[in-house]
N, C-alpha and C. Protein backbone atom coordinates (compact mmCIF):
# COMPACT_ATOMS: atom_id res chain seq x y z
N MET A 1 156.86 -47.57 354.01
CA MET A 1 156.61 -48.00 352.66
C MET A 1 157.88 -48.46 351.97
N SER A 2 159.00 -48.33 352.56
CA SER A 2 160.23 -48.69 351.86
C SER A 2 160.70 -50.09 352.21
N SER A 3 159.83 -50.90 352.78
CA SER A 3 160.25 -52.26 353.11
C SER A 3 160.54 -53.04 351.85
N ARG A 4 161.44 -53.99 351.97
CA ARG A 4 161.82 -54.80 350.81
C ARG A 4 160.61 -55.56 350.29
N ARG A 5 159.75 -56.06 351.19
CA ARG A 5 158.56 -56.80 350.78
C ARG A 5 157.65 -55.93 349.91
N GLY A 6 157.59 -54.62 350.19
CA GLY A 6 156.75 -53.72 349.41
C GLY A 6 157.25 -53.48 348.00
N THR A 7 158.49 -53.92 347.73
CA THR A 7 159.03 -53.73 346.38
C THR A 7 158.93 -55.00 345.55
N GLU A 8 158.59 -56.12 346.15
CA GLU A 8 158.45 -57.37 345.39
C GLU A 8 157.10 -57.42 344.71
N LEU A 9 157.06 -58.09 343.58
CA LEU A 9 155.81 -58.27 342.84
C LEU A 9 155.10 -59.54 343.30
N SER A 10 153.80 -59.54 343.20
CA SER A 10 153.05 -60.76 343.48
C SER A 10 153.17 -61.68 342.26
N ARG A 11 152.94 -62.94 342.49
CA ARG A 11 152.96 -63.92 341.40
C ARG A 11 151.89 -63.54 340.36
N ALA A 12 150.72 -63.06 340.81
CA ALA A 12 149.64 -62.69 339.89
C ALA A 12 150.08 -61.56 338.95
N ALA A 13 150.79 -60.56 339.48
CA ALA A 13 151.26 -59.45 338.64
C ALA A 13 152.27 -59.94 337.62
N MET A 14 153.17 -60.82 338.04
CA MET A 14 154.16 -61.36 337.11
C MET A 14 153.49 -62.20 336.03
N ASP A 15 152.51 -63.01 336.41
CA ASP A 15 151.79 -63.83 335.43
C ASP A 15 151.06 -62.96 334.42
N ARG A 16 150.46 -61.88 334.89
CA ARG A 16 149.75 -60.96 334.00
C ARG A 16 150.73 -60.33 332.99
N ALA A 17 151.90 -59.91 333.46
CA ALA A 17 152.89 -59.32 332.56
C ALA A 17 153.38 -60.35 331.54
N ARG A 18 153.57 -61.60 331.97
CA ARG A 18 153.97 -62.66 331.02
C ARG A 18 152.91 -62.87 329.95
N ARG A 19 151.64 -62.91 330.36
CA ARG A 19 150.55 -63.08 329.37
C ARG A 19 150.52 -61.93 328.37
N GLN A 20 150.92 -60.76 328.80
CA GLN A 20 150.96 -59.60 327.90
C GLN A 20 152.16 -59.66 326.96
N GLY A 21 153.13 -60.51 327.26
CA GLY A 21 154.30 -60.67 326.40
C GLY A 21 155.62 -60.26 327.00
N ALA A 22 155.65 -59.86 328.27
CA ALA A 22 156.91 -59.47 328.90
C ALA A 22 157.79 -60.71 329.10
N ALA A 23 159.06 -60.59 328.79
CA ALA A 23 160.01 -61.68 328.99
C ALA A 23 160.28 -61.82 330.49
N PRO A 24 160.17 -63.03 331.04
CA PRO A 24 160.39 -63.21 332.47
C PRO A 24 161.75 -62.71 332.96
N GLU A 25 162.79 -62.85 332.14
CA GLU A 25 164.12 -62.43 332.57
C GLU A 25 164.29 -60.91 332.59
N LEU A 26 163.30 -60.17 332.08
CA LEU A 26 163.35 -58.71 332.11
C LEU A 26 162.47 -58.12 333.22
N MET A 27 161.85 -58.97 334.02
CA MET A 27 161.00 -58.50 335.11
C MET A 27 161.88 -58.19 336.32
N TYR A 28 161.97 -56.92 336.64
CA TYR A 28 162.83 -56.44 337.72
C TYR A 28 162.03 -55.66 338.74
N VAL A 29 162.61 -55.52 339.92
CA VAL A 29 162.10 -54.63 340.95
C VAL A 29 163.26 -53.78 341.45
N VAL A 30 162.93 -52.65 342.05
CA VAL A 30 163.94 -51.76 342.62
C VAL A 30 163.55 -51.41 344.04
N ASP A 31 164.54 -51.01 344.82
CA ASP A 31 164.30 -50.49 346.16
C ASP A 31 164.42 -48.98 346.07
N LEU A 32 163.31 -48.31 346.25
CA LEU A 32 163.26 -46.86 346.16
C LEU A 32 162.59 -46.35 347.43
N PRO A 33 163.37 -45.79 348.37
CA PRO A 33 162.82 -45.37 349.65
C PRO A 33 161.60 -44.45 349.50
N GLY A 34 160.52 -44.82 350.21
CA GLY A 34 159.30 -44.03 350.18
C GLY A 34 158.35 -44.38 349.05
N TYR A 35 158.68 -45.37 348.25
CA TYR A 35 157.85 -45.77 347.11
C TYR A 35 157.57 -47.26 347.14
N GLU A 36 156.39 -47.65 346.65
CA GLU A 36 156.03 -49.05 346.48
C GLU A 36 155.53 -49.24 345.07
N VAL A 37 155.73 -50.45 344.56
CA VAL A 37 155.27 -50.75 343.21
C VAL A 37 153.74 -50.78 343.20
N ALA A 38 153.17 -50.17 342.17
CA ALA A 38 151.72 -50.21 341.95
C ALA A 38 151.45 -51.42 341.05
N GLU A 39 150.97 -52.50 341.63
CA GLU A 39 150.83 -53.76 340.89
C GLU A 39 149.96 -53.63 339.65
N GLN A 40 148.97 -52.76 339.67
CA GLN A 40 148.11 -52.61 338.50
C GLN A 40 148.85 -51.99 337.32
N SER A 41 150.02 -51.41 337.57
CA SER A 41 150.80 -50.78 336.50
C SER A 41 151.75 -51.75 335.81
N VAL A 42 151.94 -52.92 336.36
CA VAL A 42 152.91 -53.88 335.85
C VAL A 42 152.47 -54.41 334.49
N GLY A 43 153.41 -54.41 333.53
CA GLY A 43 153.05 -54.94 332.22
C GLY A 43 154.20 -54.91 331.24
N VAL A 44 153.86 -55.18 329.99
CA VAL A 44 154.85 -55.25 328.92
C VAL A 44 155.07 -53.86 328.33
N ILE A 45 156.31 -53.59 327.90
CA ILE A 45 156.62 -52.40 327.10
C ILE A 45 157.33 -52.88 325.84
N ASN A 46 157.14 -52.17 324.77
CA ASN A 46 157.72 -52.55 323.48
C ASN A 46 157.36 -54.00 323.17
N ASP A 47 158.28 -54.76 322.58
CA ASP A 47 157.97 -56.14 322.19
C ASP A 47 157.90 -57.09 323.37
N GLU A 48 158.89 -57.04 324.26
CA GLU A 48 158.92 -57.99 325.37
C GLU A 48 159.54 -57.40 326.62
N GLY A 49 159.66 -56.09 326.65
CA GLY A 49 160.22 -55.43 327.82
C GLY A 49 159.24 -55.41 328.97
N PHE A 50 159.67 -54.85 330.08
CA PHE A 50 158.88 -54.85 331.30
C PHE A 50 158.78 -53.44 331.85
N GLY A 51 157.63 -53.10 332.38
CA GLY A 51 157.44 -51.78 332.97
C GLY A 51 156.58 -51.84 334.22
N ALA A 52 156.80 -50.91 335.12
CA ALA A 52 156.01 -50.78 336.34
C ALA A 52 156.15 -49.34 336.84
N VAL A 53 155.21 -48.93 337.65
CA VAL A 53 155.26 -47.60 338.25
C VAL A 53 155.33 -47.76 339.76
N TYR A 54 156.22 -47.00 340.37
CA TYR A 54 156.35 -46.96 341.82
C TYR A 54 155.69 -45.66 342.29
N ILE A 55 154.91 -45.75 343.36
CA ILE A 55 154.18 -44.58 343.85
C ILE A 55 154.51 -44.32 345.32
N SER A 56 154.39 -43.06 345.70
CA SER A 56 154.58 -42.67 347.10
C SER A 56 153.21 -42.39 347.71
N PRO A 57 153.12 -42.32 349.03
CA PRO A 57 151.83 -42.05 349.67
C PRO A 57 151.21 -40.73 349.23
N ASP A 58 152.04 -39.77 348.82
CA ASP A 58 151.50 -38.47 348.41
C ASP A 58 151.28 -38.36 346.90
N GLY A 59 151.32 -39.50 346.20
CA GLY A 59 150.96 -39.52 344.78
C GLY A 59 152.10 -39.30 343.80
N LYS A 60 153.32 -39.17 344.27
CA LYS A 60 154.44 -39.04 343.35
C LYS A 60 154.69 -40.39 342.70
N HIS A 61 155.30 -40.37 341.51
CA HIS A 61 155.51 -41.62 340.80
C HIS A 61 156.89 -41.66 340.13
N VAL A 62 157.41 -42.88 340.01
CA VAL A 62 158.66 -43.15 339.32
C VAL A 62 158.40 -44.34 338.40
N GLU A 63 158.75 -44.20 337.14
CA GLU A 63 158.52 -45.27 336.18
C GLU A 63 159.77 -46.13 336.02
N LEU A 64 159.59 -47.43 336.08
CA LEU A 64 160.64 -48.41 335.83
C LEU A 64 160.39 -49.02 334.46
N ARG A 65 161.43 -49.05 333.63
CA ARG A 65 161.35 -49.68 332.30
C ARG A 65 162.60 -50.52 332.10
N VAL A 66 162.41 -51.76 331.70
CA VAL A 66 163.52 -52.67 331.43
C VAL A 66 163.32 -53.20 330.01
N ASP A 67 164.36 -53.06 329.19
CA ASP A 67 164.22 -53.50 327.80
C ASP A 67 165.53 -54.10 327.31
N ARG A 68 165.42 -54.93 326.30
CA ARG A 68 166.59 -55.58 325.70
C ARG A 68 167.38 -54.59 324.85
N GLY A 69 168.59 -55.01 324.58
CA GLY A 69 169.43 -54.27 323.66
C GLY A 69 170.19 -53.14 324.31
N PRO A 70 171.01 -52.48 323.51
CA PRO A 70 171.80 -51.37 324.05
C PRO A 70 170.90 -50.17 324.33
N TYR A 71 171.34 -49.35 325.24
CA TYR A 71 170.63 -48.11 325.54
C TYR A 71 171.03 -47.08 324.48
N VAL A 72 170.05 -46.55 323.80
CA VAL A 72 170.31 -45.49 322.83
C VAL A 72 170.15 -44.18 323.59
N ARG A 73 171.27 -43.58 323.90
CA ARG A 73 171.24 -42.41 324.78
C ARG A 73 170.87 -41.13 324.03
N ALA A 74 170.21 -40.27 324.78
CA ALA A 74 169.88 -38.95 324.25
C ALA A 74 171.16 -38.11 324.21
N ALA A 75 171.16 -37.11 323.35
CA ALA A 75 172.34 -36.26 323.20
C ALA A 75 172.75 -35.61 324.51
N ALA A 76 171.78 -35.31 325.37
CA ALA A 76 172.07 -34.61 326.63
C ALA A 76 172.48 -35.55 327.75
N SER A 77 172.58 -36.85 327.48
CA SER A 77 172.96 -37.80 328.54
C SER A 77 174.39 -37.58 328.99
N GLU A 78 174.60 -37.76 330.30
CA GLU A 78 175.97 -37.70 330.80
C GLU A 78 176.30 -39.01 331.50
N ARG A 79 177.51 -39.47 331.29
CA ARG A 79 177.99 -40.71 331.89
C ARG A 79 178.01 -40.54 333.40
N ASP A 80 177.52 -41.54 334.11
CA ASP A 80 177.49 -41.49 335.57
C ASP A 80 177.70 -42.91 336.08
N GLY A 81 178.94 -43.23 336.43
CA GLY A 81 179.25 -44.58 336.88
C GLY A 81 179.03 -45.57 335.75
N GLY A 82 178.28 -46.64 336.04
CA GLY A 82 177.99 -47.66 335.03
C GLY A 82 176.76 -47.37 334.22
N GLY A 83 176.31 -46.14 334.23
CA GLY A 83 175.09 -45.81 333.50
C GLY A 83 175.09 -44.39 332.97
N TRP A 84 173.89 -43.90 332.71
CA TRP A 84 173.71 -42.57 332.12
C TRP A 84 172.63 -41.81 332.87
N TYR A 85 172.85 -40.50 333.02
CA TYR A 85 171.86 -39.62 333.64
C TYR A 85 171.45 -38.58 332.61
N THR A 86 170.15 -38.34 332.53
CA THR A 86 169.63 -37.39 331.55
C THR A 86 168.52 -36.54 332.17
N VAL A 87 168.48 -35.28 331.82
CA VAL A 87 167.33 -34.43 332.09
C VAL A 87 166.74 -34.08 330.74
N ASN A 88 165.47 -34.41 330.57
CA ASN A 88 164.77 -34.16 329.31
C ASN A 88 163.48 -33.43 329.63
N GLY A 89 163.48 -32.12 329.43
CA GLY A 89 162.30 -31.32 329.77
C GLY A 89 162.09 -31.33 331.27
N ASP A 90 160.91 -31.79 331.70
CA ASP A 90 160.56 -31.83 333.11
C ASP A 90 160.95 -33.13 333.79
N ASP A 91 161.51 -34.08 333.04
CA ASP A 91 161.83 -35.39 333.59
C ASP A 91 163.33 -35.62 333.72
N GLN A 92 163.68 -36.42 334.72
CA GLN A 92 165.05 -36.89 334.86
C GLN A 92 165.02 -38.41 334.74
N GLU A 93 166.15 -38.96 334.32
CA GLU A 93 166.21 -40.40 334.08
C GLU A 93 167.61 -40.91 334.41
N TYR A 94 167.65 -42.06 335.06
CA TYR A 94 168.93 -42.74 335.24
C TYR A 94 168.79 -44.11 334.59
N VAL A 95 169.80 -44.49 333.78
CA VAL A 95 169.78 -45.76 333.07
C VAL A 95 170.99 -46.58 333.51
N ALA A 96 170.72 -47.76 334.05
CA ALA A 96 171.77 -48.72 334.39
C ALA A 96 171.89 -49.68 333.22
N VAL A 97 173.08 -49.78 332.66
CA VAL A 97 173.31 -50.61 331.49
C VAL A 97 173.83 -51.97 331.93
N ARG A 98 173.13 -53.01 331.48
CA ARG A 98 173.54 -54.39 331.77
C ARG A 98 174.07 -55.03 330.48
N LYS A 99 174.47 -56.27 330.54
CA LYS A 99 175.09 -56.94 329.40
C LYS A 99 174.20 -56.91 328.15
N ASP A 100 172.95 -57.34 328.27
CA ASP A 100 172.08 -57.42 327.09
C ASP A 100 170.77 -56.67 327.25
N HIS A 101 170.67 -55.84 328.29
CA HIS A 101 169.46 -55.04 328.52
C HIS A 101 169.81 -53.81 329.36
N HIS A 102 168.83 -52.95 329.54
CA HIS A 102 169.06 -51.76 330.36
C HIS A 102 167.84 -51.50 331.24
N VAL A 103 168.11 -50.89 332.39
CA VAL A 103 167.10 -50.59 333.40
C VAL A 103 167.01 -49.08 333.52
N ARG A 104 165.80 -48.54 333.30
CA ARG A 104 165.58 -47.09 333.35
C ARG A 104 164.64 -46.73 334.48
N LEU A 105 164.96 -45.66 335.19
CA LEU A 105 164.06 -45.06 336.17
C LEU A 105 163.83 -43.63 335.75
N ILE A 106 162.56 -43.24 335.62
CA ILE A 106 162.19 -41.93 335.10
C ILE A 106 161.20 -41.27 336.07
N CYS A 107 161.44 -39.99 336.37
CA CYS A 107 160.52 -39.24 337.23
C CYS A 107 160.72 -37.75 336.99
N PRO A 108 159.80 -36.93 337.49
CA PRO A 108 159.99 -35.49 337.36
C PRO A 108 161.28 -35.03 338.02
N VAL A 109 161.90 -34.02 337.43
CA VAL A 109 163.16 -33.47 337.95
C VAL A 109 162.97 -33.03 339.40
N GLY A 110 163.92 -33.42 340.26
CA GLY A 110 163.92 -33.01 341.65
C GLY A 110 163.03 -33.84 342.56
N GLN A 111 162.22 -34.72 342.01
CA GLN A 111 161.33 -35.51 342.85
C GLN A 111 162.11 -36.54 343.66
N VAL A 112 163.11 -37.15 343.04
CA VAL A 112 163.99 -38.10 343.71
C VAL A 112 165.41 -37.61 343.50
N ASP A 113 166.19 -37.60 344.55
CA ASP A 113 167.58 -37.19 344.44
C ASP A 113 168.30 -38.04 343.41
N ARG A 114 169.15 -37.41 342.64
CA ARG A 114 169.88 -38.11 341.58
C ARG A 114 170.64 -39.33 342.10
N ALA A 115 171.31 -39.20 343.23
CA ALA A 115 172.08 -40.31 343.79
C ALA A 115 171.17 -41.47 344.19
N VAL A 116 169.98 -41.16 344.71
CA VAL A 116 169.03 -42.20 345.10
C VAL A 116 168.50 -42.91 343.85
N LEU A 117 168.20 -42.14 342.81
CA LEU A 117 167.73 -42.72 341.55
C LEU A 117 168.80 -43.65 340.96
N LYS A 118 170.03 -43.20 340.99
CA LYS A 118 171.16 -44.00 340.49
C LYS A 118 171.30 -45.30 341.28
N GLN A 119 171.27 -45.18 342.60
CA GLN A 119 171.43 -46.37 343.45
C GLN A 119 170.30 -47.37 343.19
N ALA A 120 169.08 -46.88 343.06
CA ALA A 120 167.94 -47.78 342.81
C ALA A 120 168.08 -48.48 341.46
N ALA A 121 168.45 -47.74 340.43
CA ALA A 121 168.58 -48.34 339.09
C ALA A 121 169.72 -49.35 339.07
N GLN A 122 170.86 -48.99 339.64
CA GLN A 122 172.00 -49.91 339.64
C GLN A 122 171.73 -51.14 340.51
N GLY A 123 170.88 -51.00 341.52
CA GLY A 123 170.56 -52.12 342.40
C GLY A 123 169.36 -52.94 341.94
N ALA A 124 168.80 -52.63 340.77
CA ALA A 124 167.65 -53.37 340.28
C ALA A 124 167.97 -54.86 340.25
N ARG A 125 166.97 -55.66 340.62
CA ARG A 125 167.17 -57.11 340.68
C ARG A 125 165.96 -57.83 340.09
N PRO A 126 166.16 -59.07 339.65
CA PRO A 126 165.03 -59.82 339.09
C PRO A 126 163.90 -59.98 340.10
N ALA A 127 162.68 -59.84 339.63
CA ALA A 127 161.51 -60.04 340.48
C ALA A 127 161.38 -61.52 340.81
N THR A 128 160.92 -61.82 342.01
CA THR A 128 160.80 -63.21 342.44
C THR A 128 159.36 -63.71 342.52
N GLY A 129 158.41 -62.79 342.52
CA GLY A 129 157.02 -63.21 342.65
C GLY A 129 156.66 -63.61 344.07
N THR A 130 157.40 -63.09 345.06
CA THR A 130 157.14 -63.45 346.45
C THR A 130 156.47 -62.32 347.22
N GLY A 131 156.01 -61.31 346.50
CA GLY A 131 155.35 -60.19 347.16
C GLY A 131 153.99 -60.60 347.70
N PRO A 132 153.32 -59.68 348.37
CA PRO A 132 152.00 -59.99 348.92
C PRO A 132 151.05 -60.36 347.80
N PRO A 133 150.10 -61.24 348.07
CA PRO A 133 149.16 -61.61 347.01
C PRO A 133 148.36 -60.40 346.55
N ALA A 134 148.01 -60.42 345.27
CA ALA A 134 147.19 -59.34 344.72
C ALA A 134 145.84 -59.36 345.43
N PRO A 135 145.25 -58.19 345.65
CA PRO A 135 143.96 -58.16 346.34
C PRO A 135 142.89 -58.85 345.49
N LEU A 136 141.97 -59.50 346.19
CA LEU A 136 140.86 -60.15 345.49
C LEU A 136 139.89 -59.10 344.98
N PRO A 137 139.21 -59.37 343.85
CA PRO A 137 138.21 -58.41 343.39
C PRO A 137 137.08 -58.34 344.40
N PRO A 138 136.40 -57.20 344.48
CA PRO A 138 135.31 -57.08 345.46
C PRO A 138 134.18 -58.06 345.14
N ALA A 139 133.55 -58.56 346.19
CA ALA A 139 132.42 -59.48 346.01
C ALA A 139 131.23 -58.69 345.50
N PRO A 140 130.38 -59.33 344.69
CA PRO A 140 129.19 -58.63 344.20
C PRO A 140 128.30 -58.22 345.38
N VAL A 141 127.68 -57.10 345.24
CA VAL A 141 126.80 -56.58 346.29
C VAL A 141 125.39 -57.12 346.06
N GLU A 142 124.84 -57.69 347.11
CA GLU A 142 123.44 -58.15 347.04
C GLU A 142 122.55 -56.95 347.32
N ARG A 143 121.80 -56.52 346.30
CA ARG A 143 120.97 -55.33 346.47
C ARG A 143 119.67 -55.63 347.19
N GLY A 144 119.02 -56.74 346.87
CA GLY A 144 117.77 -57.08 347.55
C GLY A 144 116.55 -56.41 346.98
N ASP A 145 116.73 -55.43 346.07
CA ASP A 145 115.56 -54.75 345.52
C ASP A 145 115.29 -55.15 344.06
N LEU A 146 116.04 -56.11 343.54
CA LEU A 146 115.83 -56.55 342.17
C LEU A 146 115.01 -57.83 342.16
N PRO A 147 114.02 -57.92 341.27
CA PRO A 147 113.23 -59.15 341.18
C PRO A 147 114.08 -60.27 340.59
N PRO A 148 113.67 -61.52 340.76
CA PRO A 148 114.48 -62.65 340.31
C PRO A 148 114.71 -62.71 338.80
N ASN A 149 113.85 -62.09 338.01
CA ASN A 149 114.02 -62.16 336.55
C ASN A 149 115.03 -61.13 336.03
N GLY A 150 115.62 -60.31 336.91
CA GLY A 150 116.68 -59.39 336.52
C GLY A 150 116.21 -58.04 336.04
N GLU A 151 114.92 -57.82 335.93
CA GLU A 151 114.41 -56.52 335.51
C GLU A 151 114.47 -55.54 336.67
N ALA A 152 114.74 -54.28 336.36
CA ALA A 152 114.79 -53.25 337.40
C ALA A 152 113.38 -52.96 337.89
N PRO A 153 113.25 -52.69 339.17
CA PRO A 153 111.91 -52.38 339.70
C PRO A 153 111.38 -51.07 339.12
N VAL A 154 110.10 -50.99 339.01
CA VAL A 154 109.44 -49.80 338.49
C VAL A 154 108.99 -48.96 339.67
N GLN A 155 109.39 -47.69 339.65
CA GLN A 155 108.99 -46.77 340.71
C GLN A 155 107.87 -45.91 340.15
N ARG A 156 106.66 -46.09 340.63
CA ARG A 156 105.51 -45.42 340.04
C ARG A 156 105.20 -44.08 340.72
N THR A 157 105.89 -43.70 341.76
CA THR A 157 105.61 -42.43 342.41
C THR A 157 106.86 -41.56 342.36
N GLY A 158 106.67 -40.30 342.52
CA GLY A 158 107.80 -39.37 342.53
C GLY A 158 108.19 -38.99 341.12
N PRO A 159 109.32 -38.24 340.99
CA PRO A 159 109.76 -37.78 339.68
C PRO A 159 110.05 -38.97 338.75
N GLY A 160 109.57 -38.89 337.55
CA GLY A 160 109.80 -39.92 336.55
C GLY A 160 108.86 -41.11 336.69
N GLY A 161 107.98 -41.16 337.70
CA GLY A 161 107.14 -42.35 337.95
C GLY A 161 105.73 -42.16 337.55
């Protein structure tokens, strides 16, 4: 699950986030070993920021948030390289600060090693829209028991009949 292709977004997911108001230049992906982006989670945060959730096969999750402006750090934040590391209650967060925006990765404490979280946030890169295509919606099921006028059949025997 840690293949680079599994971390790219599909064009459909990027288009959906743009329609919601996410700025294209804030759409990022990260490489997080053992996690893949959940395309249905991709969308806008705040006015024009970008967000997505990465999931593991066993249901663990890491939230990615990218937003404009300076990072307003919590009092408990500690400087760590080019960013900030914070533990807030049950969650840990690493924030990579860029020139005009910041990239945040948030997950439960201990779920992802701090160094791995830091490396993923610092290595965040713009999404390209070259990921696998989004799955098609399921085709309608032909039931065969409905009359052509769309009314449900009447069952005259058994309970309720």
